[in-house]
């Protein structure tokens, strides 16, 4: 690929490398403003309890305390990253649902004063029975966490394609395996932080977030502010992994406290707070049953899963669907049944950790295939080649698969790894295995129903043509998106990467983009950047054609040099034409 392109496919210095290597990069927690206050959340010491009263009077008397807010000071509007289940409020109103749930927030002159004030807030609780196991949570008589979720079942999915029972009856071999996928949490180097300040009726929010647009959307919706009166921007973000996608209590509290005090407020999580608020990976309890021919061809699959969701939904509905619906993408079979129960418990909420909904089911299904192969005496790679989906096919549950190279990938891995020579023949304590994975690049829907594009891009060439600025709402969280998108812009324009600048993730200055999640930015933001760059190149070609007395289609532009394709020595610089 690198031979066909001038910029993409090349190793280039990252756009942010100098700032990060020299320590000049500023993260949200590093920012300072005049009269900046420090804020922290008061959280629940119980996993499940009714709130009887909240007394902030003693804390309010503490010198240096500027504001304290509870549910009485904020809207009671419910929210959640997925509109299918809005069940969370800024602060708990009637009861807490996990250890670490949000009760109140304090803003004071420094962190020491904040910590003292938090200890002076008196909350009277009626402790309730808690439940931490999804199977126990579904039993009759279990503690009911939400009135609207009978038996604590938050999401129920039943999908049936083809005739699975008929496939099992016709199969040579039918096998059932059970697997447990554990709860895990992200641990980005930078904990969450938010700074908010007001100018008149308009609020500016600096946040460690994976989506400035989604955060703007929810701040406006929940706090009843015009979206145009909310500016969200991020500086540098020290990792996300799905942990910084949901709007957090920090974001809402910072905005309200800043309004109440008339001063900038910085809210932050410490490392312990992160583990209660990260929205990590769901535990999934998985039963997988498959029927195969004697040769190992899959005839039918039934996945029966139970997912432990923690206290709130967030993006958990999507995680529940992803867990089963995407299992059809890698392998070709005509009969499939998927049953899923997502159950709320009194543990911290789970959400969209990397590839959410898929890592554990992939582990389960790949292990299940290995067990089938072993029972039939088939090589593990061979059974995957037998069942590998081909490009240009549609899955039994309706996913169209175009470009696809699983068969070729497996054959290449087998050959370069020495699989045939090494499998089962290595010394004790060493071994070889094979496993496949697959996920979507970008989600088909935004978190709210909209006809707006998921990504847009704008490129401005300076008056003298010596530099270009890419305006994009995509969010650089350490994965290199600013660099990749600048490369794509330069390639599409026929420009030099070294002359590109990027203005990203600012709802005022950059253009609309849904942000960093679902492995979407190179694909979706990249398409927008590519189209914008190609439009600029077209304009450059048309202008240069008049200057060089040729037709536009006779020209090309590469690394900021416009040239005649039939005679590359006849050139104009991009700057001359611009």
Protein backbone atom coordinates (compact mmCIF):
# COMPACT_ATOMS: atom_id res chain seq x y z
CA UNK A 1 0.00 0.00 0.00
CA UNK A 2 2.78 2.45 0.89
CA UNK A 3 4.02 2.44 -2.73
CA UNK A 4 0.64 3.66 -4.03
CA UNK A 5 0.21 6.48 -1.55
CA UNK A 6 2.35 9.42 -0.56
CA UNK A 7 1.17 9.86 3.04
CA UNK A 8 -1.00 7.04 4.38
CA UNK A 9 0.73 3.74 5.05
CA UNK A 10 3.84 5.64 6.12
CA UNK A 11 5.31 5.97 9.60
CA UNK A 12 5.03 9.64 10.57
CA UNK A 13 5.57 11.53 13.84
CA UNK A 14 2.34 11.81 15.78
CA UNK A 15 0.81 15.25 15.76
CA UNK A 16 0.85 15.40 19.57
CA UNK A 17 4.26 13.78 20.07
CA UNK A 18 6.21 16.92 20.98
CA UNK A 19 3.74 18.09 23.61
CA UNK A 20 3.49 14.66 25.21
CA UNK A 21 7.22 13.93 25.18
CA UNK A 22 8.13 17.29 26.70
CA UNK A 23 5.33 17.29 29.28
CA UNK A 24 3.77 20.34 27.70
CA UNK A 25 0.52 18.48 27.03
CA UNK A 26 -2.22 19.61 29.38
CA UNK A 27 -4.88 17.21 30.55
CA UNK A 28 -8.15 18.41 32.09
CA UNK A 29 -6.85 18.00 35.62
CA UNK A 30 -3.80 20.15 34.77
CA UNK A 31 -5.83 23.20 33.75
CA UNK A 32 -5.95 26.23 36.03
CA UNK A 33 -8.36 29.17 36.01
CA UNK A 34 -8.63 32.27 38.22
CA UNK A 35 -10.75 31.64 41.35
CA UNK A 36 -10.94 27.94 40.54
CA UNK A 37 -12.90 25.87 43.07
CA UNK A 38 -12.45 22.16 43.74
CA UNK A 39 -15.42 19.82 43.79
CA UNK A 40 -16.02 16.23 44.88
CA UNK A 41 -18.98 13.89 45.02
CA UNK A 42 -20.40 12.42 48.22
CA UNK A 43 -21.14 8.77 47.52
CA UNK A 44 -23.05 6.02 49.26
CA UNK A 45 -21.36 3.73 51.81
CA UNK A 46 -24.08 1.12 51.22
CA UNK A 47 -24.91 -1.09 48.24
CA UNK A 48 -28.67 -0.71 48.69
CA UNK A 49 -30.42 1.69 51.03
CA UNK A 50 -33.31 4.09 51.24
CA UNK A 51 -32.38 7.75 51.76
CA UNK A 52 -34.38 9.12 54.70
CA UNK A 53 -32.75 12.53 55.02
CA UNK A 54 -29.74 14.60 53.97
CA UNK A 55 -28.44 17.33 56.30
CA UNK A 56 -25.79 19.63 54.82
CA UNK A 57 -26.03 22.40 57.45
CA UNK A 58 -22.81 21.61 59.31
CA UNK A 59 -20.83 21.26 56.09
CA UNK A 60 -22.17 24.60 54.83
CA UNK A 61 -20.76 26.35 57.93
CA UNK A 62 -17.22 25.12 57.24
CA UNK A 63 -14.99 28.04 56.14
CA UNK A 64 -14.02 27.71 52.49
CA UNK A 65 -17.12 25.78 51.42
CA UNK A 66 -18.83 27.68 48.59
CA UNK A 67 -21.70 25.40 47.58
CA UNK A 68 -23.32 22.05 48.32
CA UNK A 69 -25.90 20.46 46.04
CA UNK A 70 -28.17 17.40 46.35
CA UNK A 71 -31.04 16.03 44.28
CA UNK A 72 -33.14 18.97 45.45
CA UNK A 73 -30.88 21.39 43.54
CA UNK A 74 -30.87 19.63 40.17
CA UNK A 75 -33.46 18.30 37.71
CA UNK A 76 -34.80 14.82 38.35
CA UNK A 77 -34.64 14.00 34.63
CA UNK A 78 -33.55 10.42 34.04
CA UNK A 79 -30.73 9.74 31.62
CA UNK A 80 -28.51 6.97 30.31
CA UNK A 81 -26.28 6.51 27.31
CA UNK A 82 -28.87 4.31 25.62
CA UNK A 83 -32.32 5.90 25.25
CA UNK A 84 -33.87 2.44 25.53
CA UNK A 85 -33.38 2.49 29.32
CA UNK A 86 -33.04 5.87 31.01
CA UNK A 87 -32.86 4.96 34.69
CA UNK A 88 -30.17 7.16 36.28
CA UNK A 89 -30.49 10.64 37.83
CA UNK A 90 -27.78 13.19 38.62
CA UNK A 91 -28.10 12.41 42.34
CA UNK A 92 -30.04 9.64 44.05
CA UNK A 93 -33.52 10.79 45.01
CA UNK A 94 -35.11 8.03 47.07
CA UNK A 95 -32.48 5.31 47.40
CA UNK A 96 -28.95 4.27 46.51
CA UNK A 97 -28.34 1.22 44.34
CA UNK A 98 -24.62 0.51 44.69
CA UNK A 99 -21.68 1.33 46.93
CA UNK A 100 -20.44 4.58 45.39
CA UNK A 101 -23.81 5.87 44.13
CA UNK A 102 -24.09 9.68 43.97
CA UNK A 103 -25.64 11.57 46.91
CA UNK A 104 -24.34 15.15 46.81
CA UNK A 105 -21.49 17.37 45.62
CA UNK A 106 -19.39 20.01 47.37
CA UNK A 107 -17.37 22.90 45.93
CA UNK A 108 -14.75 24.56 48.13
CA UNK A 109 -11.54 26.54 47.94
CA UNK A 110 -9.28 23.46 48.04
CA UNK A 111 -9.38 19.67 48.20
CA UNK A 112 -8.67 19.52 51.94
CA UNK A 113 -11.73 21.64 52.68
CA UNK A 114 -13.84 19.56 50.32
CA UNK A 115 -12.87 16.34 52.09
CA UNK A 116 -13.70 17.83 55.49
CA UNK A 117 -17.07 19.06 54.21
CA UNK A 118 -17.98 15.65 52.81
CA UNK A 119 -17.51 14.12 56.26
CA UNK A 120 -19.83 16.74 57.81
CA UNK A 121 -22.78 15.92 55.54
CA UNK A 122 -25.18 13.72 57.48
CA UNK A 123 -27.20 11.21 55.52
CA UNK A 124 -29.72 8.99 57.28
CA UNK A 125 -30.23 5.65 55.55
CA UNK A 126 -32.52 2.68 55.91
CA UNK A 127 -30.26 -0.15 54.83
CA UNK A 128 -31.95 -2.61 52.47
CA UNK A 129 -31.05 -6.14 51.50
CA UNK A 130 -28.71 -6.19 48.52
CA UNK A 131 -28.18 -8.70 45.75
CA UNK A 132 -24.93 -9.18 43.83
CA UNK A 133 -25.54 -12.32 41.79
CA UNK A 134 -27.77 -12.16 38.69
CA UNK A 135 -29.27 -15.60 39.27
CA UNK A 136 -30.12 -14.74 42.86
CA UNK A 137 -31.53 -11.40 41.67
CA UNK A 138 -34.08 -13.18 39.46
CA UNK A 139 -35.45 -15.38 42.23
CA UNK A 140 -38.82 -14.77 43.87
CA UNK A 141 -38.39 -12.64 46.97
CA UNK A 142 -35.05 -11.13 45.88
CA UNK A 143 -34.50 -7.43 46.63
CA UNK A 144 -36.19 -5.36 43.92
CA UNK A 145 -33.70 -2.73 42.72
CA UNK A 146 -36.05 -0.92 40.30
CA UNK A 147 -39.83 -1.11 40.35
CA UNK A 148 -39.83 -1.00 36.54
CA UNK A 149 -37.64 -4.13 36.20
CA UNK A 150 -39.64 -7.12 37.54
CA UNK A 151 -37.33 -9.82 38.91
CA UNK A 152 -34.53 -7.31 38.19
CA UNK A 153 -34.53 -8.23 34.50
CA UNK A 154 -33.46 -5.07 32.74
CA UNK A 155 -33.25 -6.37 29.15
CA UNK A 156 -34.71 -9.52 27.62
CA UNK A 157 -33.76 -10.69 24.12
CA UNK A 158 -35.08 -13.73 22.25
CA UNK A 159 -34.06 -14.19 18.62
CA UNK A 160 -34.72 -17.30 16.55
CA UNK A 161 -33.59 -17.75 12.93
CA UNK A 162 -34.15 -20.87 10.92
CA UNK A 163 -34.96 -24.08 12.83
CA UNK A 164 -32.35 -24.78 15.47
CA UNK A 165 -34.09 -27.83 16.96
CA UNK A 166 -34.35 -29.46 13.51
CA UNK A 167 -30.64 -28.75 12.94
CA UNK A 168 -29.77 -30.44 16.22
CA UNK A 169 -31.82 -33.51 15.30
CA UNK A 170 -30.04 -33.81 11.95
CA UNK A 171 -26.56 -33.21 13.38
CA UNK A 172 -23.94 -35.93 13.69
CA UNK A 173 -22.73 -34.45 16.97
CA UNK A 174 -24.35 -32.01 19.39
CA UNK A 175 -22.36 -30.39 22.20
CA UNK A 176 -23.19 -27.99 25.04
CA UNK A 177 -20.54 -26.01 26.92
CA UNK A 178 -20.83 -23.46 29.71
CA UNK A 179 -18.48 -20.54 30.29
CA UNK A 180 -18.23 -17.61 32.70
CA UNK A 181 -16.92 -14.20 31.62
CA UNK A 182 -15.73 -12.06 34.50
CA UNK A 183 -16.36 -8.43 35.47
CA UNK A 184 -13.32 -6.31 34.56
CA UNK A 185 -12.62 -2.59 34.72
CA UNK A 186 -10.59 -0.25 32.57
CA UNK A 187 -7.78 1.63 34.25
CA UNK A 188 -6.81 4.58 32.00
CA UNK A 189 -3.77 6.47 33.25
CA UNK A 190 -5.79 9.68 33.51
CA UNK A 191 -8.75 9.55 35.91
CA UNK A 192 -11.94 11.39 34.97
CA UNK A 193 -11.90 15.16 35.43
CA UNK A 194 -14.27 17.98 34.46
CA UNK A 195 -13.98 21.77 34.67
CA UNK A 196 -16.97 24.05 34.08
CA UNK A 197 -17.44 27.82 34.09
CA UNK A 198 -20.24 30.14 33.02
CA UNK A 199 -20.15 33.29 30.91
CA UNK A 200 -23.58 34.82 31.11
CA UNK A 201 -26.07 32.14 30.08
CA UNK A 202 -23.44 30.00 28.43
CA UNK A 203 -21.36 27.24 30.02
CA UNK A 204 -17.96 25.98 28.89
CA UNK A 205 -16.99 22.46 29.92
CA UNK A 206 -13.54 20.91 29.69
CA UNK A 207 -13.88 17.18 30.12
CA UNK A 208 -11.92 13.99 29.84
CA UNK A 209 -14.42 12.42 27.47
CA UNK A 210 -14.63 10.14 24.46
CA UNK A 211 -17.40 12.17 22.85
CA UNK A 212 -17.72 15.93 23.18
CA UNK A 213 -20.95 15.81 21.19
CA UNK A 214 -22.69 13.21 23.36
CA UNK A 215 -21.63 15.05 26.51
CA UNK A 216 -22.95 18.33 25.10
CA UNK A 217 -26.20 16.59 24.16
CA UNK A 218 -26.79 15.12 27.63
CA UNK A 219 -25.73 18.17 29.61
CA UNK A 220 -28.26 20.21 27.62
CA UNK A 221 -31.01 17.61 27.82
CA UNK A 222 -30.75 16.76 31.53
CA UNK A 223 -30.04 20.29 32.79
CA UNK A 224 -32.60 21.89 30.46
CA UNK A 225 -30.06 24.15 28.71
CA UNK A 226 -30.07 25.05 25.03
CA UNK A 227 -27.52 22.86 23.29
CA UNK A 228 -26.01 25.95 21.68
CA UNK A 229 -25.36 27.34 25.16
CA UNK A 230 -23.16 24.37 26.07
CA UNK A 231 -19.61 24.28 24.77
CA UNK A 232 -17.69 21.06 25.42
CA UNK A 233 -14.04 20.61 24.57
CA UNK A 234 -11.26 18.37 25.64
CA UNK A 235 -7.53 18.95 25.88
CA UNK A 236 -5.50 15.75 25.95
CA UNK A 237 -7.16 12.54 27.15
CA UNK A 238 -5.12 9.88 28.91
CA UNK A 239 -6.95 6.81 27.68
CA UNK A 240 -10.59 5.83 27.59
CA UNK A 241 -11.36 2.19 26.66
CA UNK A 242 -15.09 2.95 26.97
CA UNK A 243 -14.75 4.34 30.50
CA UNK A 244 -15.20 7.95 29.40
CA UNK A 245 -18.17 7.58 27.08
CA UNK A 246 -21.07 7.80 29.55
CA UNK A 247 -21.85 11.23 31.01
CA UNK A 248 -20.72 11.14 34.64
CA UNK A 249 -21.84 12.74 37.87
CA UNK A 250 -18.75 14.91 37.66
CA UNK A 251 -19.96 16.57 34.47
CA UNK A 252 -23.42 17.47 35.74
CA UNK A 253 -22.20 18.52 39.19
CA UNK A 254 -19.44 20.73 37.82
CA UNK A 255 -21.90 22.64 35.64
CA UNK A 256 -24.42 23.15 38.45
CA UNK A 257 -21.81 24.09 41.07
CA UNK A 258 -20.17 26.57 38.68
CA UNK A 259 -23.56 28.18 38.08
CA UNK A 260 -24.34 28.36 41.78
CA UNK A 261 -20.98 29.82 42.81
CA UNK A 262 -20.29 32.00 39.77
CA UNK A 263 -16.77 30.53 39.68
CA UNK A 264 -14.98 27.81 37.69
CA UNK A 265 -15.26 24.39 39.36
CA UNK A 266 -12.97 21.42 38.86
CA UNK A 267 -14.42 17.99 39.66
CA UNK A 268 -12.34 14.82 39.59
CA UNK A 269 -12.32 11.12 40.47
CA UNK A 270 -9.44 9.58 42.34
CA UNK A 271 -8.34 6.06 41.47
CA UNK A 272 -10.79 4.38 43.86
CA UNK A 273 -13.66 6.44 42.45
CA UNK A 274 -12.74 5.22 38.98
CA UNK A 275 -13.47 1.62 39.83
CA UNK A 276 -17.01 2.51 40.90
CA UNK A 277 -17.71 4.77 37.92
CA UNK A 278 -15.79 3.29 34.99
CA UNK A 279 -18.68 1.33 33.48
CA UNK A 280 -16.50 -1.72 32.90
CA UNK A 281 -17.09 -5.03 31.18
CA UNK A 282 -20.24 -7.03 31.93
CA UNK A 283 -19.88 -10.47 33.48
CA UNK A 284 -21.66 -12.92 31.18
CA UNK A 285 -22.69 -16.47 32.01
CA UNK A 286 -22.81 -18.33 28.72
CA UNK A 287 -24.27 -21.63 27.58
CA UNK A 288 -23.39 -22.49 23.98
CA UNK A 289 -24.93 -25.46 22.16
CA UNK A 290 -24.04 -26.44 18.58
CA UNK A 291 -24.85 -29.22 16.18
CA UNK A 292 -22.32 -30.21 13.47
CA UNK A 293 -21.87 -32.69 10.68
CA UNK A 294 -19.28 -35.47 10.89
CA UNK A 295 -16.92 -33.18 8.98
CA UNK A 296 -17.38 -30.37 11.51
CA UNK A 297 -19.74 -28.09 9.54
CA UNK A 298 -21.96 -26.04 11.83
CA UNK A 299 -25.66 -26.71 11.28
CA UNK A 300 -27.21 -24.83 14.18
CA UNK A 301 -26.19 -22.79 17.23
CA UNK A 302 -28.08 -21.82 20.38
CA UNK A 303 -26.56 -19.22 22.74
CA UNK A 304 -28.28 -18.80 26.10
CA UNK A 305 -26.69 -15.97 28.10
CA UNK A 306 -27.23 -14.15 31.38
CA UNK A 307 -25.50 -10.79 31.75
CA UNK A 308 -24.90 -9.04 35.10
CA UNK A 309 -25.42 -5.33 34.50
CA UNK A 310 -24.76 -3.70 37.84
CA UNK A 311 -27.01 -0.94 39.12
CA UNK A 312 -27.83 1.09 35.98
CA UNK A 313 -28.16 0.56 32.25
CA UNK A 314 -25.88 3.03 30.46
CA UNK A 315 -25.06 1.37 27.14
CA UNK A 316 -25.87 -2.07 28.53
CA UNK A 317 -28.76 -2.74 26.17
CA UNK A 318 -26.37 -2.49 23.23
CA UNK A 319 -23.85 -4.72 25.03
CA UNK A 320 -26.57 -7.33 25.50
CA UNK A 321 -27.49 -7.32 21.80
CA UNK A 322 -23.86 -7.33 20.65
CA UNK A 323 -23.14 -10.39 22.81
CA UNK A 324 -25.25 -12.62 20.60
CA UNK A 325 -26.15 -10.88 17.37
CA UNK A 326 -22.53 -10.49 16.23
CA UNK A 327 -21.62 -14.14 16.80
CA UNK A 328 -23.00 -14.96 13.35
CA UNK A 329 -20.49 -12.77 11.53
CA UNK A 330 -17.38 -15.00 11.59
CA UNK A 331 -18.85 -18.40 10.74
CA UNK A 332 -21.52 -19.53 8.30
CA UNK A 333 -24.53 -21.41 9.68
CA UNK A 334 -28.21 -21.29 8.76
CA UNK A 335 -29.95 -21.86 12.09
CA UNK A 336 -29.39 -19.68 15.13
CA UNK A 337 -31.14 -18.97 18.41
CA UNK A 338 -30.06 -16.30 20.88
CA UNK A 339 -31.53 -15.79 24.35
CA UNK A 340 -30.25 -13.09 26.69
CA UNK A 341 -31.27 -11.74 30.08
CA UNK A 342 -29.49 -8.63 31.36
CA UNK A 343 -30.03 -8.40 35.11
CA UNK A 344 -29.48 -5.43 37.40
CA UNK A 345 -27.68 -5.98 40.73
CA UNK A 346 -26.30 -3.81 43.53
CA UNK A 347 -22.81 -3.76 42.03
CA UNK A 348 -21.29 -0.79 40.14
CA UNK A 349 -22.85 -0.33 36.69
CA UNK A 350 -21.26 -1.96 33.67
CA UNK A 351 -21.05 -0.48 30.20
CA UNK A 352 -19.04 -0.22 27.03
CA UNK A 353 -15.54 -1.52 27.72
CA UNK A 354 -13.53 -2.23 24.54
CA UNK A 355 -15.57 -4.24 22.04
CA UNK A 356 -18.38 -4.39 24.58
CA UNK A 357 -20.52 -7.47 24.60
CA UNK A 358 -18.16 -9.47 22.40
CA UNK A 359 -14.87 -10.54 24.07
CA UNK A 360 -16.42 -13.11 26.44
CA UNK A 361 -18.84 -14.63 23.90
CA UNK A 362 -15.99 -14.84 21.39
CA UNK A 363 -13.83 -16.62 23.98
CA UNK A 364 -16.72 -18.97 24.75
CA UNK A 365 -17.54 -19.79 21.14
CA UNK A 366 -13.92 -20.26 20.10
CA UNK A 367 -13.34 -22.59 23.07
CA UNK A 368 -16.56 -24.39 22.16
CA UNK A 369 -15.28 -24.91 18.60
CA UNK A 370 -12.02 -26.31 19.98
CA UNK A 371 -13.97 -28.80 22.10
CA UNK A 372 -16.00 -29.91 19.08
CA UNK A 373 -12.87 -30.26 16.94
CA UNK A 374 -11.17 -32.35 19.63
CA UNK A 375 -14.17 -34.66 19.95
CA UNK A 376 -14.34 -35.17 16.15
CA UNK A 377 -10.58 -35.46 15.68
CA UNK A 378 -10.41 -32.36 13.47
CA UNK A 379 -7.59 -29.82 13.51
CA UNK A 380 -8.71 -26.57 15.25
CA UNK A 381 -7.74 -24.43 12.27
CA UNK A 382 -9.39 -26.84 9.85
CA UNK A 383 -12.78 -26.65 11.59
CA UNK A 384 -12.58 -22.86 11.37
CA UNK A 385 -11.71 -23.01 7.67
CA UNK A 386 -14.66 -25.33 7.09
CA UNK A 387 -17.03 -22.84 8.70
CA UNK A 388 -15.38 -19.53 7.76
CA UNK A 389 -17.79 -17.09 6.21
CA UNK A 390 -17.07 -15.95 2.65
CA UNK A 391 -17.23 -12.35 1.41
CA UNK A 392 -20.43 -11.20 -0.25
CA UNK A 393 -22.72 -13.17 2.05
CA UNK A 394 -25.52 -12.30 4.46
CA UNK A 395 -25.71 -13.79 7.95
CA UNK A 396 -28.76 -15.70 9.10
CA UNK A 397 -29.75 -12.65 11.19
CA UNK A 398 -29.37 -10.20 8.33
CA UNK A 399 -25.86 -8.73 8.47
CA UNK A 400 -24.33 -8.14 5.05
CA UNK A 401 -20.64 -9.09 4.94
CA UNK A 402 -18.74 -7.59 2.01
CA UNK A 403 -14.96 -7.45 2.36
CA UNK A 404 -13.88 -10.50 4.34
CA UNK A 405 -10.62 -12.41 4.56
CA UNK A 406 -10.96 -14.84 7.47
CA UNK A 407 -10.10 -17.90 5.36
CA UNK A 408 -6.98 -16.26 3.95
CA UNK A 409 -6.00 -14.96 7.39
CA UNK A 410 -6.28 -18.42 8.95
CA UNK A 411 -4.24 -20.01 6.17
CA UNK A 412 -1.55 -17.36 6.47
CA UNK A 413 -1.38 -17.72 10.26
CA UNK A 414 -1.18 -21.50 9.94
CA UNK A 415 1.67 -21.34 7.44
CA UNK A 416 3.89 -18.65 9.00
CA UNK A 417 3.49 -19.98 12.55
CA UNK A 418 4.58 -23.50 11.70
CA UNK A 419 1.27 -24.77 13.06
CA UNK A 420 1.45 -28.20 11.44
CA UNK A 421 4.93 -28.81 12.77
CA UNK A 422 4.41 -27.41 16.27
CA UNK A 423 0.80 -28.02 17.31
CA UNK A 424 0.78 -30.63 20.08
CA UNK A 425 4.53 -31.21 19.78
CA UNK A 426 5.99 -28.41 21.91
CA UNK A 427 7.76 -29.01 25.25
CA UNK A 428 5.78 -29.29 28.47
CA UNK A 429 4.37 -25.95 29.53
CA UNK A 430 4.25 -24.52 26.01
CA UNK A 431 1.53 -24.67 23.43
CA UNK A 432 -0.23 -23.12 20.45
CA UNK A 433 -3.84 -22.18 20.06
CA UNK A 434 -6.10 -20.36 17.64
CA UNK A 435 -8.95 -17.95 18.20
CA UNK A 436 -10.83 -15.50 15.99
CA UNK A 437 -12.61 -12.28 16.82
CA UNK A 438 -14.79 -9.78 15.04
CA UNK A 439 -16.61 -6.56 15.82
CA UNK A 440 -18.31 -3.64 14.11
CA UNK A 441 -16.50 -0.53 12.94
CA UNK A 442 -18.94 2.13 14.01
CA UNK A 443 -22.50 1.81 15.23
CA UNK A 444 -25.45 1.95 12.88
CA UNK A 445 -27.28 4.42 15.10
CA UNK A 446 -26.34 7.34 17.29
CA UNK A 447 -27.47 7.24 20.93
CA UNK A 448 -30.48 9.28 19.89
CA UNK A 449 -32.57 9.14 16.74
CA UNK A 450 -31.25 11.59 14.17
CA UNK A 451 -30.89 12.09 10.43
CA UNK A 452 -27.64 14.00 10.90
CA UNK A 453 -24.44 12.43 9.54
CA UNK A 454 -22.38 10.56 12.11
CA UNK A 455 -19.20 12.36 11.06
CA UNK A 456 -18.38 15.55 9.21
CA UNK A 457 -15.08 17.26 8.43
CA UNK A 458 -13.94 20.67 7.26
CA UNK A 459 -10.53 21.56 5.86
CA UNK A 460 -9.34 25.15 5.59
CA UNK A 461 -6.32 26.00 3.46
CA UNK A 462 -4.56 29.15 4.61
CA UNK A 463 -4.45 32.12 2.26
CA UNK A 464 -0.86 31.48 1.23
CA UNK A 465 -1.46 27.74 0.78
CA UNK A 466 1.43 26.75 3.05
CA UNK A 467 -0.68 25.00 5.67
CA UNK A 468 -4.10 23.41 6.05
CA UNK A 469 -6.28 23.01 9.13
CA UNK A 470 -8.51 19.99 9.61
CA UNK A 471 -11.57 20.73 11.77
CA UNK A 472 -13.03 17.50 13.12
CA UNK A 473 -15.20 16.48 16.08
CA UNK A 474 -13.35 13.17 16.45
CA UNK A 475 -11.72 12.62 19.83
CA UNK A 476 -8.05 11.73 20.27
CA UNK A 477 -7.84 9.57 23.41
CA UNK A 478 -4.33 8.22 22.85
CA UNK A 479 -5.19 5.94 19.93
CA UNK A 480 -3.69 8.31 17.33
CA UNK A 481 -6.86 9.51 15.58
CA UNK A 482 -5.64 13.10 15.10
CA UNK A 483 -2.55 11.78 13.33
CA UNK A 484 -4.40 9.23 11.19
CA UNK A 485 -7.06 11.72 10.11
CA UNK A 486 -4.42 14.34 9.27
CA UNK A 487 -2.67 11.73 7.12
CA UNK A 488 -5.92 10.91 5.35
CA UNK A 489 -6.66 14.58 4.75
CA UNK A 490 -3.18 15.18 3.30
CA UNK A 491 -3.46 12.11 1.05
CA UNK A 492 -6.88 13.08 -0.25
CA UNK A 493 -5.77 16.68 -0.89
CA UNK A 494 -2.46 15.76 -2.43
CA UNK A 495 -0.83 17.69 0.40
CA UNK A 496 2.05 17.31 2.86
CA UNK A 497 1.34 15.78 6.26
CA UNK A 498 3.92 18.06 7.86
CA UNK A 499 1.84 21.08 6.85
CA UNK A 500 -1.39 19.81 8.43
CA UNK A 501 -2.87 21.19 11.65
CA UNK A 502 -5.82 19.70 13.53
CA UNK A 503 -8.57 21.40 15.53
CA UNK A 504 -10.55 18.58 17.12
CA UNK A 505 -13.17 17.78 19.75
CA UNK A 506 -14.51 21.27 20.43
CA UNK A 507 -18.25 21.72 19.93
CA UNK A 508 -17.75 25.39 19.04
CA UNK A 509 -14.77 25.26 16.70
CA UNK A 510 -14.82 21.75 15.26
CA UNK A 511 -17.60 20.20 13.19
CA UNK A 512 -20.04 17.46 14.18
CA UNK A 513 -18.77 13.97 15.02
CA UNK A 514 -20.09 11.32 17.42
CA UNK A 515 -16.70 10.61 18.98
CA UNK A 516 -14.38 7.75 19.91
CA UNK A 517 -16.22 4.46 20.42
CA UNK A 518 -17.02 1.27 18.50
CA UNK A 519 -13.76 1.52 16.52
CA UNK A 520 -15.55 4.08 14.36
CA UNK A 521 -13.26 7.07 13.82
CA UNK A 522 -10.84 5.78 11.17
CA UNK A 523 -13.81 4.46 9.17
CA UNK A 524 -16.53 7.07 9.70
CA UNK A 525 -14.52 10.20 10.48
CA UNK A 526 -12.02 9.02 7.88
CA UNK A 527 -14.64 8.95 5.13
CA UNK A 528 -15.69 12.52 5.97
CA UNK A 529 -12.06 13.66 5.93
CA UNK A 530 -11.41 11.86 2.65
CA UNK A 531 -14.39 13.48 0.93
CA UNK A 532 -13.45 16.94 2.21
CA UNK A 533 -9.88 16.49 1.01
CA UNK A 534 -10.99 15.28 -2.41
CA UNK A 535 -13.20 18.34 -2.83
CA UNK A 536 -10.23 20.60 -2.11
CA UNK A 537 -8.10 18.66 -4.55
CA UNK A 538 -10.77 19.04 -7.22
CA UNK A 539 -10.80 22.83 -6.73
CA UNK A 540 -7.00 22.93 -6.88
CA UNK A 541 -7.00 20.91 -10.11
CA UNK A 542 -9.58 23.21 -11.69
CA UNK A 543 -7.65 26.34 -10.73
CA UNK A 544 -4.31 24.88 -11.77
CA UNK A 545 -5.73 23.79 -15.13
CA UNK A 546 -6.37 27.40 -16.05
CA UNK A 547 -2.90 28.44 -14.90
CA UNK A 548 -1.16 25.59 -16.74
CA UNK A 549 -3.43 25.63 -19.82
CA UNK A 550 -4.46 21.98 -19.58
CA UNK A 551 -7.63 20.13 -18.65
CA UNK A 552 -8.19 19.33 -14.94
CA UNK A 553 -8.24 15.59 -15.64
CA UNK A 554 -4.72 15.85 -17.06
CA UNK A 555 -3.38 16.93 -13.67
CA UNK A 556 -2.61 15.29 -10.37
CA UNK A 557 -1.37 16.57 -7.03
CA UNK A 558 0.98 14.74 -4.68
CA UNK A 559 2.71 16.07 -1.57
CA UNK A 560 1.68 19.66 -2.41
CA UNK A 561 3.01 19.55 -5.99
CA UNK A 562 0.56 19.86 -8.89
CA UNK A 563 1.90 18.20 -12.03
CA UNK A 564 0.88 17.15 -15.53
CA UNK A 565 0.46 13.39 -15.49
CA UNK A 566 1.83 12.99 -19.01
CA UNK A 567 4.79 15.27 -18.23
CA UNK A 568 5.51 15.26 -14.45
CA UNK A 569 8.29 17.83 -14.84
CA UNK A 570 5.67 20.51 -15.57
CA UNK A 571 4.59 21.58 -12.09
CA UNK A 572 3.06 24.20 -9.85
CA UNK A 573 3.22 24.17 -6.09
CA UNK A 574 0.03 23.80 -4.10
CA UNK A 575 0.76 27.21 -2.56
CA UNK A 576 1.04 28.87 -5.96
CA UNK A 577 -2.32 27.49 -7.02
CA UNK A 578 -4.12 28.11 -3.73
